[in-house]
Amino acid sequence: MPLQERWIADNLDQLDARVFLPLGACLDFYTGNIYRGPRWMTDRGLEWLSRLFTEPQRLWNRYLVGNTVFLVRILVARLRSN
């Protein structure tokens, strides 16, 4: 996650550590605190859809708006390169 990596970079000089593990939600998934969705969805790259249904108020902007903006930027870049 870029926020974790940015925080580490910004605070590196103030921390007495040699190794950083920006795991994001990995620990929550491993401990079962966050439901990832059914195996058939996670195996097919649809975990985001399952998480959107389980946490819509928190994730709608990230997945619906953010992904749409990303796809539009890709489309515009491709159209400009032709």
N, C-alpha and C. Protein backbone atom coordinates (compact mmCIF):
# COMPACT_ATOMS: atom_id res chain seq x y z
N MET A 1 0.84 -1.18 0.00
CA MET A 1 0.00 0.00 0.00
C MET A 1 0.89 1.24 0.00
N PRO A 2 0.64 2.14 -0.91
CA PRO A 2 1.47 3.34 -1.02
C PRO A 2 1.52 4.18 0.26
N LEU A 3 0.42 4.25 1.01
CA LEU A 3 0.43 5.06 2.23
C LEU A 3 1.42 4.52 3.25
N GLN A 4 1.46 3.20 3.38
CA GLN A 4 2.41 2.59 4.32
C GLN A 4 3.85 2.84 3.88
N GLU A 5 4.09 2.67 2.60
CA GLU A 5 5.44 2.87 2.07
C GLU A 5 5.86 4.32 2.18
N ARG A 6 4.94 5.24 1.95
CA ARG A 6 5.25 6.66 2.08
C ARG A 6 5.55 7.01 3.54
N TRP A 7 4.77 6.45 4.47
CA TRP A 7 5.01 6.71 5.89
C TRP A 7 6.40 6.20 6.30
N ILE A 8 6.75 5.02 5.86
CA ILE A 8 8.07 4.47 6.17
C ILE A 8 9.17 5.38 5.62
N ALA A 9 9.04 5.80 4.37
CA ALA A 9 10.05 6.67 3.76
C ALA A 9 10.16 8.00 4.49
N ASP A 10 9.02 8.56 4.89
CA ASP A 10 9.02 9.86 5.58
C ASP A 10 9.60 9.77 6.99
N ASN A 11 9.50 8.62 7.63
CA ASN A 11 9.91 8.49 9.03
C ASN A 11 11.14 7.63 9.23
N LEU A 12 11.77 7.21 8.17
CA LEU A 12 12.90 6.29 8.24
C LEU A 12 14.03 6.80 9.12
N ASP A 13 14.34 8.08 9.02
CA ASP A 13 15.45 8.64 9.81
C ASP A 13 15.14 8.69 11.30
N GLN A 14 13.87 8.68 11.67
CA GLN A 14 13.48 8.81 13.08
C GLN A 14 13.27 7.46 13.76
N LEU A 15 13.35 6.38 13.01
CA LEU A 15 13.07 5.06 13.55
C LEU A 15 14.35 4.25 13.70
N ASP A 16 14.42 3.51 14.77
CA ASP A 16 15.58 2.66 15.01
C ASP A 16 15.23 1.24 14.56
N ALA A 17 15.16 1.06 13.25
CA ALA A 17 14.80 -0.25 12.69
C ALA A 17 15.53 -0.44 11.37
N ARG A 18 15.80 -1.69 11.06
CA ARG A 18 16.47 -2.01 9.80
C ARG A 18 15.54 -2.69 8.81
N VAL A 19 14.45 -3.26 9.31
CA VAL A 19 13.52 -3.99 8.46
C VAL A 19 12.11 -3.46 8.70
N PHE A 20 11.38 -3.24 7.62
CA PHE A 20 9.99 -2.81 7.70
C PHE A 20 9.14 -3.80 6.90
N LEU A 21 8.01 -4.15 7.44
CA LEU A 21 7.11 -5.09 6.78
C LEU A 21 5.74 -4.43 6.60
N PRO A 22 5.55 -3.67 5.53
CA PRO A 22 4.25 -3.06 5.28
C PRO A 22 3.27 -4.11 4.75
N LEU A 23 2.58 -4.75 5.64
CA LEU A 23 1.75 -5.90 5.29
C LEU A 23 0.32 -5.55 4.90
N GLY A 24 -0.11 -4.34 5.14
CA GLY A 24 -1.49 -3.99 4.83
C GLY A 24 -2.44 -4.85 5.64
N ALA A 25 -3.39 -5.43 4.97
CA ALA A 25 -4.41 -6.24 5.65
C ALA A 25 -4.00 -7.71 5.75
N CYS A 26 -2.76 -8.05 5.40
CA CYS A 26 -2.34 -9.45 5.42
C CYS A 26 -2.55 -10.11 6.78
N LEU A 27 -2.21 -9.41 7.85
CA LEU A 27 -2.40 -9.99 9.18
C LEU A 27 -3.88 -10.19 9.49
N ASP A 28 -4.70 -9.24 9.07
CA ASP A 28 -6.15 -9.39 9.29
C ASP A 28 -6.70 -10.59 8.52
N PHE A 29 -6.22 -10.79 7.31
CA PHE A 29 -6.66 -11.95 6.53
C PHE A 29 -6.20 -13.25 7.18
N TYR A 30 -4.94 -13.26 7.59
CA TYR A 30 -4.36 -14.47 8.18
C TYR A 30 -5.07 -14.87 9.46
N THR A 31 -5.42 -13.89 10.28
CA THR A 31 -6.09 -14.18 11.55
C THR A 31 -7.59 -14.38 11.40
N GLY A 32 -8.12 -14.13 10.21
CA GLY A 32 -9.55 -14.30 9.98
C GLY A 32 -10.40 -13.13 10.41
N ASN A 33 -9.79 -11.98 10.68
CA ASN A 33 -10.55 -10.80 11.08
C ASN A 33 -11.28 -10.15 9.92
N ILE A 34 -10.79 -10.36 8.70
CA ILE A 34 -11.43 -9.83 7.50
C ILE A 34 -11.73 -10.98 6.56
N TYR A 35 -12.96 -11.03 6.09
CA TYR A 35 -13.39 -12.09 5.18
C TYR A 35 -12.97 -11.72 3.76
N ARG A 36 -12.26 -12.59 3.11
CA ARG A 36 -11.75 -12.33 1.76
C ARG A 36 -12.74 -12.72 0.67
N GLY A 37 -13.69 -13.54 1.01
CA GLY A 37 -14.65 -13.99 0.01
C GLY A 37 -14.48 -15.46 -0.28
N PRO A 38 -15.40 -16.02 -1.05
CA PRO A 38 -15.29 -17.44 -1.37
C PRO A 38 -14.06 -17.73 -2.24
N ARG A 39 -13.56 -18.92 -2.11
CA ARG A 39 -12.33 -19.32 -2.81
C ARG A 39 -12.43 -19.13 -4.32
N TRP A 40 -13.60 -19.44 -4.89
CA TRP A 40 -13.74 -19.32 -6.34
C TRP A 40 -13.58 -17.86 -6.79
N MET A 41 -13.96 -16.91 -5.93
CA MET A 41 -13.79 -15.49 -6.29
C MET A 41 -12.34 -15.06 -6.14
N THR A 42 -11.71 -15.45 -5.02
CA THR A 42 -10.33 -15.03 -4.80
C THR A 42 -9.39 -15.67 -5.83
N ASP A 43 -9.70 -16.88 -6.25
CA ASP A 43 -8.87 -17.56 -7.26
C ASP A 43 -8.98 -16.91 -8.64
N ARG A 44 -10.06 -16.18 -8.88
CA ARG A 44 -10.30 -15.55 -10.18
C ARG A 44 -10.08 -14.04 -10.17
N GLY A 45 -9.46 -13.53 -9.12
CA GLY A 45 -9.16 -12.10 -9.05
C GLY A 45 -10.36 -11.23 -8.71
N LEU A 46 -11.39 -11.82 -8.11
CA LEU A 46 -12.60 -11.07 -7.77
C LEU A 46 -12.74 -10.80 -6.28
N GLU A 47 -11.66 -10.90 -5.55
CA GLU A 47 -11.72 -10.63 -4.11
C GLU A 47 -12.23 -9.22 -3.85
N TRP A 48 -11.85 -8.27 -4.69
CA TRP A 48 -12.28 -6.88 -4.52
C TRP A 48 -13.80 -6.78 -4.52
N LEU A 49 -14.47 -7.58 -5.35
CA LEU A 49 -15.93 -7.54 -5.42
C LEU A 49 -16.56 -8.09 -4.15
N SER A 50 -16.01 -9.16 -3.64
CA SER A 50 -16.49 -9.73 -2.39
C SER A 50 -16.31 -8.76 -1.24
N ARG A 51 -15.14 -8.11 -1.19
CA ARG A 51 -14.88 -7.14 -0.12
C ARG A 51 -15.77 -5.92 -0.26
N LEU A 52 -16.08 -5.53 -1.49
CA LEU A 52 -16.99 -4.40 -1.70
C LEU A 52 -18.36 -4.71 -1.12
N PHE A 53 -18.84 -5.93 -1.29
CA PHE A 53 -20.14 -6.31 -0.74
C PHE A 53 -20.12 -6.42 0.78
N THR A 54 -18.98 -6.79 1.37
CA THR A 54 -18.93 -6.94 2.82
C THR A 54 -18.63 -5.62 3.54
N GLU A 55 -17.95 -4.68 2.86
CA GLU A 55 -17.62 -3.39 3.46
C GLU A 55 -17.91 -2.24 2.48
N PRO A 56 -19.15 -2.09 2.04
CA PRO A 56 -19.44 -1.09 0.99
C PRO A 56 -19.16 0.35 1.42
N GLN A 57 -19.47 0.72 2.64
CA GLN A 57 -19.27 2.11 3.06
C GLN A 57 -17.80 2.50 3.08
N ARG A 58 -16.93 1.56 3.37
CA ARG A 58 -15.51 1.87 3.44
C ARG A 58 -14.82 1.75 2.08
N LEU A 59 -15.27 0.83 1.23
CA LEU A 59 -14.52 0.51 0.03
C LEU A 59 -15.13 1.00 -1.29
N TRP A 60 -16.34 1.55 -1.26
CA TRP A 60 -16.99 1.92 -2.52
C TRP A 60 -16.15 2.93 -3.31
N ASN A 61 -15.60 3.90 -2.62
CA ASN A 61 -14.83 4.93 -3.33
C ASN A 61 -13.56 4.33 -3.95
N ARG A 62 -12.88 3.48 -3.21
CA ARG A 62 -11.65 2.86 -3.70
C ARG A 62 -11.90 2.03 -4.94
N TYR A 63 -12.92 1.19 -4.89
CA TYR A 63 -13.13 0.25 -5.99
C TYR A 63 -13.97 0.81 -7.14
N LEU A 64 -15.03 1.54 -6.85
CA LEU A 64 -15.89 2.03 -7.93
C LEU A 64 -15.33 3.30 -8.56
N VAL A 65 -14.97 4.28 -7.75
CA VAL A 65 -14.45 5.53 -8.30
C VAL A 65 -12.99 5.36 -8.72
N GLY A 66 -12.17 4.84 -7.82
CA GLY A 66 -10.75 4.71 -8.11
C GLY A 66 -10.45 3.85 -9.32
N ASN A 67 -11.11 2.71 -9.42
CA ASN A 67 -10.88 1.82 -10.57
C ASN A 67 -11.38 2.45 -11.87
N THR A 68 -12.50 3.18 -11.81
CA THR A 68 -13.02 3.84 -13.00
C THR A 68 -12.05 4.91 -13.48
N VAL A 69 -11.55 5.72 -12.56
CA VAL A 69 -10.56 6.75 -12.92
C VAL A 69 -9.32 6.10 -13.54
N PHE A 70 -8.87 5.01 -12.95
CA PHE A 70 -7.70 4.29 -13.48
C PHE A 70 -7.95 3.81 -14.91
N LEU A 71 -9.09 3.20 -15.15
CA LEU A 71 -9.41 2.70 -16.49
C LEU A 71 -9.53 3.83 -17.51
N VAL A 72 -10.12 4.95 -17.11
CA VAL A 72 -10.23 6.10 -18.01
C VAL A 72 -8.84 6.62 -18.35
N ARG A 73 -7.95 6.69 -17.38
CA ARG A 73 -6.58 7.16 -17.64
C ARG A 73 -5.86 6.24 -18.61
N ILE A 74 -6.06 4.94 -18.48
CA ILE A 74 -5.45 3.99 -19.41
C ILE A 74 -6.00 4.20 -20.81
N LEU A 75 -7.31 4.35 -20.91
CA LEU A 75 -7.94 4.56 -22.21
C LEU A 75 -7.43 5.84 -22.86
N VAL A 76 -7.36 6.92 -22.12
CA VAL A 76 -6.87 8.20 -22.65
C VAL A 76 -5.41 8.06 -23.10
N ALA A 77 -4.58 7.39 -22.32
CA ALA A 77 -3.18 7.20 -22.69
C ALA A 77 -3.06 6.39 -23.98
N ARG A 78 -3.89 5.38 -24.12
CA ARG A 78 -3.84 4.56 -25.35
C ARG A 78 -4.30 5.35 -26.57
N LEU A 79 -5.35 6.16 -26.38
CA LEU A 79 -5.84 6.96 -27.49
C LEU A 79 -4.81 8.01 -27.90
N ARG A 80 -4.10 8.58 -26.96
CA ARG A 80 -3.08 9.58 -27.28
C ARG A 80 -1.86 8.98 -27.96
N SER A 81 -1.57 7.71 -27.66
CA SER A 81 -0.39 7.08 -28.24
C SER A 81 -0.62 6.60 -29.67
N ASN A 82 -1.87 6.58 -30.13
CA ASN A 82 -2.17 6.12 -31.51
C ASN A 82 -2.21 7.23 -32.48
